[in-house]
Amino acid sequence: MREWIKRLVGRTIFDSHLDAVLLRHSAVVVAFHRVQDTEVAEGLTVSVGLFEAYCRFFQRYFNVVSLGNLVDKLESGASLDRELAITFDDGYRDNFDHAAPILEKLGLPATFFIVTQWMGTEIVPWWDREIGVRHPWMSWDQVKSLHHRGFELGAHTRTHVDLGSVTDHEAREEILGARRELEEHLSTSVELFAYPYGRLANLADANRHLIRGAGFRCCCSCFGGVNVPGTDPFHLRRVPISSRYPSPMQFGFELALGRSVQLA
């Protein structure tokens, strides 16, 4: 289906409040990576203007809550009604420079999942290296600033390891080590976790148990789908916002019709 048709149908669904029926008793967690204006087409990047458009769309049509609040609801068995939590992966500096001010302007909560060993470094991950770009990371002072401004911080391992491929000691160091390093810098408990890459194959069952045992309260994937009452917080679904959804209304169309599940 052509993109303009999806946008039109999406607008019709939301403006007619049909979304209240299609998404009843469900909650959505979205995942962003980079928020910046760039001339290079990158699947992990949304422009600053598009990010603000998404935030205004979320604010208008959803009950935007913190991820921690959503986990509270799932743990207690509370009803769900179009809650939406905004999250970010990795810790790119543009999250601090561009995303956080827009979130603050609109009064929206968000959670930033941090690769702890990359903060304040010159490391270039393989996916950026492959296309010849480098995007800076936040400094620890910037990470702490987000915390002091009321945003949630969560762990995303120490080095962005594939937890579907490593187990035992290495997995334990990546999971527990990330929590320990975040807590040392923030001087507060860290209870939220998202595993890197986010597909089904990227988290071994043994490592999901490690995450639970490490004291985290949730484990976020990133392969799409919505969450319903009774969802195990350690099997929390997230929808990655990328070039697949060039407009909020197209995202809304895919989401409302149950098409946001990506190949895992």
C-alpha atoms as a PDB file:
ATOM      1  CA  MET A   1       0.000   0.000   0.000  1.00  0.00           C
ATOM      2  CA  ARG A   2       1.334   3.433  -0.906  1.00  0.00           C
ATOM      3  CA  GLU A   3       2.652   5.555   1.954  1.00  0.00           C
ATOM      4  CA  TRP A   4       0.203   8.425   1.338  1.00  0.00           C
ATOM      5  CA  ILE A   5      -2.705   5.998   1.541  1.00  0.00           C
ATOM      6  CA  LYS A   6      -1.408   4.625   4.849  1.00  0.00           C
ATOM      7  CA  ARG A   7      -1.088   8.163   6.197  1.00  0.00           C
ATOM      8  CA  LEU A   8      -4.632   8.990   5.081  1.00  0.00           C
ATOM      9  CA  VAL A   9      -6.106   5.814   6.578  1.00  0.00           C
ATOM     10  CA  GLY A  10      -4.095   6.346   9.750  1.00  0.00           C
ATOM     11  CA  ARG A  11      -5.446   9.878  10.124  1.00  0.00           C
ATOM     12  CA  THR A  12      -8.977   8.603   9.556  1.00  0.00           C
ATOM     13  CA  ILE A  13      -8.527   5.919  12.226  1.00  0.00           C
ATOM     14  CA  PHE A  14      -7.272   8.349  14.858  1.00  0.00           C
ATOM     15  CA  ASP A  15      -9.423  11.363  14.011  1.00  0.00           C
ATOM     16  CA  SER A  16     -12.538   9.169  14.112  1.00  0.00           C
ATOM     17  CA  HIS A  17     -11.422   7.659  17.446  1.00  0.00           C
ATOM     18  CA  LEU A  18     -11.480   4.178  15.932  1.00  0.00           C
ATOM     19  CA  ASP A  19      -8.103   3.703  17.585  1.00  0.00           C
ATOM     20  CA  ALA A  20      -9.927   3.644  20.926  1.00  0.00           C
ATOM     21  CA  VAL A  21     -11.526   0.391  19.767  1.00  0.00           C
ATOM     22  CA  LEU A  22      -8.581  -1.120  17.887  1.00  0.00           C
ATOM     23  CA  LEU A  23      -6.050  -0.404  20.666  1.00  0.00           C
ATOM     24  CA  ARG A  24      -8.343  -0.882  23.655  1.00  0.00           C
ATOM     25  CA  HIS A  25      -6.774  -2.743  26.593  1.00  0.00           C
ATOM     26  CA  SER A  26      -3.257  -2.351  25.219  1.00  0.00           C
ATOM     27  CA  ALA A  27      -0.085  -0.378  25.817  1.00  0.00           C
ATOM     28  CA  VAL A  28       2.684   0.636  23.411  1.00  0.00           C
ATOM     29  CA  VAL A  29       6.392   1.138  24.023  1.00  0.00           C
ATOM     30  CA  VAL A  30       8.291   2.933  21.248  1.00  0.00           C
ATOM     31  CA  ALA A  31      12.059   2.969  20.768  1.00  0.00           C
ATOM     32  CA  PHE A  32      14.117   5.733  19.166  1.00  0.00           C
ATOM     33  CA  HIS A  33      17.871   5.773  18.592  1.00  0.00           C
ATOM     34  CA  ARG A  34      19.091   9.056  17.088  1.00  0.00           C
ATOM     35  CA  VAL A  35      17.282  12.384  16.792  1.00  0.00           C
ATOM     36  CA  GLN A  36      19.123  14.732  14.471  1.00  0.00           C
ATOM     37  CA  ASP A  37      19.000  16.374  11.076  1.00  0.00           C
ATOM     38  CA  THR A  38      21.340  14.632   8.658  1.00  0.00           C
ATOM     39  CA  GLU A  39      21.830  14.495   4.920  1.00  0.00           C
ATOM     40  CA  VAL A  40      22.709  10.798   5.073  1.00  0.00           C
ATOM     41  CA  ALA A  41      19.699   8.453   5.023  1.00  0.00           C
ATOM     42  CA  GLU A  42      20.036   6.261   8.105  1.00  0.00           C
ATOM     43  CA  GLY A  43      17.471   3.809   9.386  1.00  0.00           C
ATOM     44  CA  LEU A  44      18.225   4.596  13.029  1.00  0.00           C
ATOM     45  CA  THR A  45      17.801   8.361  12.694  1.00  0.00           C
ATOM     46  CA  VAL A  46      14.711  10.565  12.735  1.00  0.00           C
ATOM     47  CA  SER A  47      14.930  14.287  12.115  1.00  0.00           C
ATOM     48  CA  VAL A  48      14.335  16.769  14.915  1.00  0.00           C
ATOM     49  CA  GLY A  49      11.139  17.990  13.286  1.00  0.00           C
ATOM     50  CA  LEU A  50       9.809  14.472  12.769  1.00  0.00           C
ATOM     51  CA  PHE A  51      10.602  13.576  16.370  1.00  0.00           C
ATOM     52  CA  GLU A  52       8.575  16.530  17.609  1.00  0.00           C
ATOM     53  CA  ALA A  53       5.730  15.528  15.278  1.00  0.00           C
ATOM     54  CA  TYR A  54       5.798  12.042  16.803  1.00  0.00           C
ATOM     55  CA  CYS A  55       5.758  13.477  20.319  1.00  0.00           C
ATOM     56  CA  ARG A  56       2.752  15.658  19.541  1.00  0.00           C
ATOM     57  CA  PHE A  57       1.006  12.644  17.963  1.00  0.00           C
ATOM     58  CA  PHE A  58       1.684  10.567  21.078  1.00  0.00           C
ATOM     59  CA  GLN A  59       0.479  13.384  23.315  1.00  0.00           C
ATOM     60  CA  ARG A  60      -2.760  13.826  21.365  1.00  0.00           C
ATOM     61  CA  TYR A  61      -3.803  10.211  20.905  1.00  0.00           C
ATOM     62  CA  PHE A  62      -2.210   8.244  23.753  1.00  0.00           C
ATOM     63  CA  ASN A  63      -1.813   8.349  27.506  1.00  0.00           C
ATOM     64  CA  VAL A  64       1.938   8.950  27.630  1.00  0.00           C
ATOM     65  CA  VAL A  65       3.449   7.429  30.786  1.00  0.00           C
ATOM     66  CA  SER A  66       6.922   6.582  31.996  1.00  0.00           C
ATOM     67  CA  LEU A  67       8.130   3.054  31.346  1.00  0.00           C
ATOM     68  CA  GLY A  68       8.365   2.570  35.104  1.00  0.00           C
ATOM     69  CA  ASN A  69       4.710   3.502  35.465  1.00  0.00           C
ATOM     70  CA  LEU A  70       3.754   1.017  32.756  1.00  0.00           C
ATOM     71  CA  VAL A  71       5.725  -1.726  34.514  1.00  0.00           C
ATOM     72  CA  ASP A  72       3.851  -0.836  37.723  1.00  0.00           C
ATOM     73  CA  LYS A  73       0.560  -1.404  35.905  1.00  0.00           C
ATOM     74  CA  LEU A  74       1.674  -4.742  34.483  1.00  0.00           C
ATOM     75  CA  GLU A  75       2.988  -5.933  37.844  1.00  0.00           C
ATOM     76  CA  SER A  76      -0.245  -5.008  39.633  1.00  0.00           C
ATOM     77  CA  GLY A  77      -2.586  -6.347  36.961  1.00  0.00           C
ATOM     78  CA  ALA A  78      -4.110  -2.903  36.384  1.00  0.00           C
ATOM     79  CA  SER A  79      -6.143  -2.274  33.256  1.00  0.00           C
ATOM     80  CA  LEU A  80      -4.491  -0.766  30.184  1.00  0.00           C
ATOM     81  CA  ASP A  81      -5.950   1.845  27.863  1.00  0.00           C
ATOM     82  CA  ARG A  82      -3.585   3.141  25.195  1.00  0.00           C
ATOM     83  CA  GLU A  83      -0.664   3.905  27.493  1.00  0.00           C
ATOM     84  CA  LEU A  84       2.490   4.760  25.557  1.00  0.00           C
ATOM     85  CA  ALA A  85       6.057   4.879  26.871  1.00  0.00           C
ATOM     86  CA  ILE A  86       8.868   6.624  24.963  1.00  0.00           C
ATOM     87  CA  THR A  87      12.329   5.048  25.104  1.00  0.00           C
ATOM     88  CA  PHE A  88      15.770   5.576  23.530  1.00  0.00           C
ATOM     89  CA  ASP A  89      18.581   3.081  23.003  1.00  0.00           C
ATOM     90  CA  ASP A  90      22.360   3.388  23.210  1.00  0.00           C
ATOM     91  CA  GLY A  91      23.010   6.887  24.575  1.00  0.00           C
ATOM     92  CA  TYR A  92      23.697   9.087  21.552  1.00  0.00           C
ATOM     93  CA  ARG A  93      24.449  12.703  22.428  1.00  0.00           C
ATOM     94  CA  ASP A  94      21.677  13.990  20.181  1.00  0.00           C
ATOM     95  CA  ASN A  95      19.241  12.443  22.663  1.00  0.00           C
ATOM     96  CA  PHE A  96      20.495  15.033  25.155  1.00  0.00           C
ATOM     97  CA  ASP A  97      20.873  17.875  22.655  1.00  0.00           C
ATOM     98  CA  HIS A  98      17.650  17.492  20.664  1.00  0.00           C
ATOM     99  CA  ALA A  99      15.217  14.935  22.121  1.00  0.00           C
ATOM    100  CA  ALA A 100      15.264  15.925  25.800  1.00  0.00           C
ATOM    101  CA  PRO A 101      14.404  19.621  25.194  1.00  0.00           C
ATOM    102  CA  ILE A 102      11.400  18.655  23.042  1.00  0.00           C
ATOM    103  CA  LEU A 103      10.214  16.160  25.650  1.00  0.00           C
ATOM    104  CA  GLU A 104      10.557  18.815  28.358  1.00  0.00           C
ATOM    105  CA  LYS A 105       8.738  21.409  26.271  1.00  0.00           C
ATOM    106  CA  LEU A 106       5.794  19.045  25.858  1.00  0.00           C
ATOM    107  CA  GLY A 107       5.984  17.668  29.394  1.00  0.00           C
ATOM    108  CA  LEU A 108       6.535  14.068  28.270  1.00  0.00           C
ATOM    109  CA  PRO A 109       8.409  11.381  30.246  1.00  0.00           C
ATOM    110  CA  ALA A 110      10.973   9.118  28.607  1.00  0.00           C
ATOM    111  CA  THR A 111      13.512   6.405  29.386  1.00  0.00           C
ATOM    112  CA  PHE A 112      17.088   6.380  28.055  1.00  0.00           C
ATOM    113  CA  PHE A 113      18.791   2.976  27.857  1.00  0.00           C
ATOM    114  CA  ILE A 114      22.554   3.424  28.134  1.00  0.00           C
ATOM    115  CA  VAL A 115      25.491   1.363  26.850  1.00  0.00           C
ATOM    116  CA  THR A 116      27.639   2.170  29.858  1.00  0.00           C
ATOM    117  CA  GLN A 117      31.137   1.551  28.446  1.00  0.00           C
ATOM    118  CA  TRP A 118      30.471   3.830  25.479  1.00  0.00           C
ATOM    119  CA  MET A 119      29.560   7.017  27.353  1.00  0.00           C
ATOM    120  CA  GLY A 120      32.151   9.747  26.953  1.00  0.00           C
ATOM    121  CA  THR A 121      34.237   7.708  24.495  1.00  0.00           C
ATOM    122  CA  GLU A 122      35.141   7.865  20.798  1.00  0.00           C
ATOM    123  CA  ILE A 123      33.860   4.334  20.088  1.00  0.00           C
ATOM    124  CA  VAL A 124      32.148   3.904  16.715  1.00  0.00           C
ATOM    125  CA  PRO A 125      29.783   0.896  16.630  1.00  0.00           C
ATOM    126  CA  TRP A 126      29.901  -1.429  13.664  1.00  0.00           C
ATOM    127  CA  TRP A 127      26.594  -0.213  12.183  1.00  0.00           C
ATOM    128  CA  ASP A 128      27.890   3.363  12.003  1.00  0.00           C
ATOM    129  CA  ARG A 129      31.322   2.278  10.825  1.00  0.00           C
ATOM    130  CA  GLU A 130      29.769   0.328   7.945  1.00  0.00           C
ATOM    131  CA  ILE A 131      28.214   3.477   6.452  1.00  0.00           C
ATOM    132  CA  GLY A 132      31.137   5.737   7.299  1.00  0.00           C
ATOM    133  CA  VAL A 133      29.544   7.947   9.943  1.00  0.00           C
ATOM    134  CA  ARG A 134      30.347   8.800  13.539  1.00  0.00           C
ATOM    135  CA  HIS A 135      27.835  10.067  16.042  1.00  0.00           C
ATOM    136  CA  PRO A 136      29.078  11.152  19.475  1.00  0.00           C
ATOM    137  CA  TRP A 137      27.905   9.665  22.746  1.00  0.00           C
ATOM    138  CA  MET A 138      26.657  11.481  25.784  1.00  0.00           C
ATOM    139  CA  SER A 139      29.101  12.236  28.555  1.00  0.00           C
ATOM    140  CA  TRP A 140      28.383  10.911  32.016  1.00  0.00           C
ATOM    141  CA  ASP A 141      27.605  14.463  33.114  1.00  0.00           C
ATOM    142  CA  GLN A 142      24.902  14.591  30.448  1.00  0.00           C
ATOM    143  CA  VAL A 143      23.525  11.202  31.512  1.00  0.00           C
ATOM    144  CA  LYS A 144      23.380  12.455  35.101  1.00  0.00           C
ATOM    145  CA  SER A 145      21.701  15.660  33.936  1.00  0.00           C
ATOM    146  CA  LEU A 146      18.898  13.641  32.333  1.00  0.00           C
ATOM    147  CA  HIS A 147      18.407  11.820  35.628  1.00  0.00           C
ATOM    148  CA  HIS A 148      18.312  15.058  37.618  1.00  0.00           C
ATOM    149  CA  ARG A 149      15.780  16.502  35.162  1.00  0.00           C
ATOM    150  CA  GLY A 150      13.391  13.639  35.909  1.00  0.00           C
ATOM    151  CA  PHE A 151      13.986  11.243  33.039  1.00  0.00           C
ATOM    152  CA  GLU A 152      14.399   7.505  33.649  1.00  0.00           C
ATOM    153  CA  LEU A 153      17.713   5.794  32.908  1.00  0.00           C
ATOM    154  CA  GLY A 154      18.004   2.113  32.115  1.00  0.00           C
ATOM    155  CA  ALA A 155      20.715  -0.386  31.232  1.00  0.00           C
ATOM    156  CA  HIS A 156      21.514  -1.599  27.710  1.00  0.00           C
ATOM    157  CA  THR A 157      24.556  -3.751  28.645  1.00  0.00           C
ATOM    158  CA  ARG A 158      28.128  -2.518  28.973  1.00  0.00           C
ATOM    159  CA  THR A 159      29.258  -2.939  25.327  1.00  0.00           C
ATOM    160  CA  HIS A 160      26.091  -3.629  23.293  1.00  0.00           C
ATOM    161  CA  VAL A 161      26.762  -7.360  23.258  1.00  0.00           C
ATOM    162  CA  ASP A 162      24.396  -9.846  21.592  1.00  0.00           C
ATOM    163  CA  LEU A 163      22.842 -11.625  24.575  1.00  0.00           C
ATOM    164  CA  GLY A 164      21.651 -14.356  22.260  1.00  0.00           C
ATOM    165  CA  SER A 165      25.263 -15.357  21.622  1.00  0.00           C
ATOM    166  CA  VAL A 166      26.998 -15.010  24.998  1.00  0.00           C
ATOM    167  CA  THR A 167      26.167 -16.677  28.284  1.00  0.00           C
ATOM    168  CA  ASP A 168      27.577 -17.367  31.720  1.00  0.00           C
ATOM    169  CA  HIS A 169      30.370 -15.072  32.941  1.00  0.00           C
ATOM    170  CA  GLU A 170      30.406 -12.708  29.948  1.00  0.00           C
ATOM    171  CA  ALA A 171      26.641 -12.258  29.990  1.00  0.00           C
ATOM    172  CA  ARG A 172      26.668 -11.717  33.745  1.00  0.00           C
ATOM    173  CA  GLU A 173      29.329  -9.012  33.434  1.00  0.00           C
ATOM    174  CA  GLU A 174      27.399  -7.253  30.660  1.00  0.00           C
ATOM    175  CA  ILE A 175      24.100  -7.305  32.570  1.00  0.00           C
ATOM    176  CA  LEU A 176      25.115  -6.833  36.181  1.00  0.00           C
ATOM    177  CA  GLY A 177      28.073  -4.653  35.241  1.00  0.00           C
ATOM    178  CA  ALA A 178      25.854  -2.223  33.336  1.00  0.00           C
ATOM    179  CA  ARG A 179      23.522  -1.882  36.292  1.00  0.00           C
ATOM    180  CA  ARG A 180      26.404  -1.406  38.711  1.00  0.00           C
ATOM    181  CA  GLU A 181      28.077   1.268  36.566  1.00  0.00           C
ATOM    182  CA  LEU A 182      24.847   3.200  36.068  1.00  0.00           C
ATOM    183  CA  GLU A 183      24.050   3.107  39.771  1.00  0.00           C
ATOM    184  CA  GLU A 184      27.557   4.297  40.662  1.00  0.00           C
ATOM    185  CA  HIS A 185      27.232   7.308  38.362  1.00  0.00           C
ATOM    186  CA  LEU A 186      23.620   8.151  39.196  1.00  0.00           C
ATOM    187  CA  SER A 187      23.614   7.271  42.914  1.00  0.00           C
ATOM    188  CA  THR A 188      20.190   5.679  42.538  1.00  0.00           C
ATOM    189  CA  SER A 189      18.677   2.282  41.828  1.00  0.00           C
ATOM    190  CA  VAL A 190      18.418   1.250  38.156  1.00  0.00           C
ATOM    191  CA  GLU A 191      15.575  -1.168  37.475  1.00  0.00           C
ATOM    192  CA  LEU A 192      14.874  -1.002  33.721  1.00  0.00           C
ATOM    193  CA  PHE A 193      16.669  -3.047  31.039  1.00  0.00           C
ATOM    194  CA  ALA A 194      16.518  -3.308  27.254  1.00  0.00           C
ATOM    195  CA  TYR A 195      18.605  -5.911  25.458  1.00  0.00           C
ATOM    196  CA  PRO A 196      20.672  -4.924  22.392  1.00  0.00           C
ATOM    197  CA  TYR A 197      19.450  -5.596  18.845  1.00  0.00           C
ATOM    198  CA  GLY A 198      16.065  -6.563  20.236  1.00  0.00           C
ATOM    199  CA  ARG A 199      15.070  -9.513  18.063  1.00  0.00           C
ATOM    200  CA  LEU A 200      13.845 -12.786  19.543  1.00  0.00           C
ATOM    201  CA  ALA A 201      17.149 -14.471  18.743  1.00  0.00           C
ATOM    202  CA  ASN A 202      19.168 -11.791  20.559  1.00  0.00           C
ATOM    203  CA  LEU A 203      18.294 -12.941  24.084  1.00  0.00           C
ATOM    204  CA  ALA A 204      18.950 -16.442  25.396  1.00  0.00           C
ATOM    205  CA  ASP A 205      16.497 -17.727  27.986  1.00  0.00           C
ATOM    206  CA  ALA A 206      19.320 -18.136  30.499  1.00  0.00           C
ATOM    207  CA  ASN A 207      20.174 -14.452  30.112  1.00  0.00           C
ATOM    208  CA  ARG A 208      16.565 -13.396  30.608  1.00  0.00           C
ATOM    209  CA  HIS A 209      16.766 -15.203  33.949  1.00  0.00           C
ATOM    210  CA  LEU A 210      20.016 -13.352  34.690  1.00  0.00           C
ATOM    211  CA  ILE A 211      18.300 -10.036  34.024  1.00  0.00           C
ATOM    212  CA  ARG A 212      15.490 -10.903  36.408  1.00  0.00           C
ATOM    213  CA  GLY A 213      17.965 -12.138  39.008  1.00  0.00           C
ATOM    214  CA  ALA A 214      20.037  -8.959  38.697  1.00  0.00           C
ATOM    215  CA  GLY A 215      17.187  -6.957  40.208  1.00  0.00           C
ATOM    216  CA  PHE A 216      15.720  -5.423  37.070  1.00  0.00           C
ATOM    217  CA  ARG A 217      11.942  -5.104  36.848  1.00  0.00           C
ATOM    218  CA  CYS A 218      11.576  -5.454  33.084  1.00  0.00           C
ATOM    219  CA  CYS A 219      13.316  -6.524  29.901  1.00  0.00           C
ATOM    220  CA  CYS A 220      12.432  -4.741  26.658  1.00  0.00           C
ATOM    221  CA  SER A 221      12.681  -6.278  23.209  1.00  0.00           C
ATOM    222  CA  CYS A 222      12.547  -4.217  20.000  1.00  0.00           C
ATOM    223  CA  PHE A 223      10.715  -6.268  17.391  1.00  0.00           C
ATOM    224  CA  GLY A 224       7.335  -4.578  17.437  1.00  0.00           C
ATOM    225  CA  GLY A 225       3.898  -5.334  18.800  1.00  0.00           C
ATOM    226  CA  VAL A 226       1.698  -4.062  21.603  1.00  0.00           C
ATOM    227  CA  ASN A 227       1.428  -5.149  25.233  1.00  0.00           C
ATOM    228  CA  VAL A 228      -1.801  -6.375  26.828  1.00  0.00           C
ATOM    229  CA  PRO A 229      -2.846  -6.994  30.437  1.00  0.00           C
ATOM    230  CA  GLY A 230      -0.980  -9.981  31.778  1.00  0.00           C
ATOM    231  CA  THR A 231       2.139  -9.297  29.697  1.00  0.00           C
ATOM    232  CA  ASP A 232       5.251 -10.404  31.569  1.00  0.00           C
ATOM    233  CA  PRO A 233       7.383  -7.256  32.045  1.00  0.00           C
ATOM    234  CA  PHE A 234      10.410  -9.411  31.136  1.00  0.00           C
ATOM    235  CA  HIS A 235       8.846  -9.981  27.701  1.00  0.00           C
ATOM    236  CA  LEU A 236       7.971  -6.356  27.033  1.00  0.00           C
ATOM    237  CA  ARG A 237       7.437  -5.523  23.359  1.00  0.00           C
ATOM    238  CA  ARG A 238       8.703  -2.296  21.800  1.00  0.00           C
ATOM    239  CA  VAL A 239       8.121  -0.769  18.386  1.00  0.00           C
ATOM    240  CA  PRO A 240      11.281   0.727  16.862  1.00  0.00           C
ATOM    241  CA  ILE A 241      10.635   4.078  15.188  1.00  0.00           C
ATOM    242  CA  SER A 242      12.761   4.219  12.065  1.00  0.00           C
ATOM    243  CA  SER A 243      12.620   5.022   8.371  1.00  0.00           C
ATOM    244  CA  ARG A 244       9.969   2.302   8.096  1.00  0.00           C
ATOM    245  CA  TYR A 245       7.551   4.866   9.556  1.00  0.00           C
ATOM    246  CA  PRO A 246       8.225   8.185   7.777  1.00  0.00           C
ATOM    247  CA  SER A 247       5.226   9.832   9.445  1.00  0.00           C
ATOM    248  CA  PRO A 248       3.331   9.432  12.737  1.00  0.00           C
ATOM    249  CA  MET A 249       0.082   8.676  10.929  1.00  0.00           C
ATOM    250  CA  GLN A 250       1.717   5.836   8.978  1.00  0.00           C
ATOM    251  CA  PHE A 251       3.016   4.489  12.283  1.00  0.00           C
ATOM    252  CA  GLY A 252      -0.523   4.795  13.673  1.00  0.00           C
ATOM    253  CA  PHE A 253      -1.953   2.928  10.689  1.00  0.00           C
ATOM    254  CA  GLU A 254       0.472   0.012  11.116  1.00  0.00           C
ATOM    255  CA  LEU A 255       0.005  -0.068  14.875  1.00  0.00           C
ATOM    256  CA  ALA A 256      -3.801   0.055  14.891  1.00  0.00           C
ATOM    257  CA  LEU A 257      -4.037  -2.705  12.304  1.00  0.00           C
ATOM    258  CA  GLY A 258      -1.575  -4.945  14.138  1.00  0.00           C
ATOM    259  CA  ARG A 259       1.137  -4.622  11.481  1.00  0.00           C
ATOM    260  CA  SER A 260       3.907  -3.195  13.695  1.00  0.00           C
ATOM    261  CA  VAL A 261       5.441  -6.611  14.398  1.00  0.00           C
ATOM    262  CA  GLN A 262       8.759  -6.866  12.605  1.00  0.00           C
ATOM    263  CA  LEU A 263      10.552  -9.998  11.512  1.00  0.00           C
ATOM    264  CA  ALA A 264      12.430 -11.418  14.470  1.00  0.00           C
END
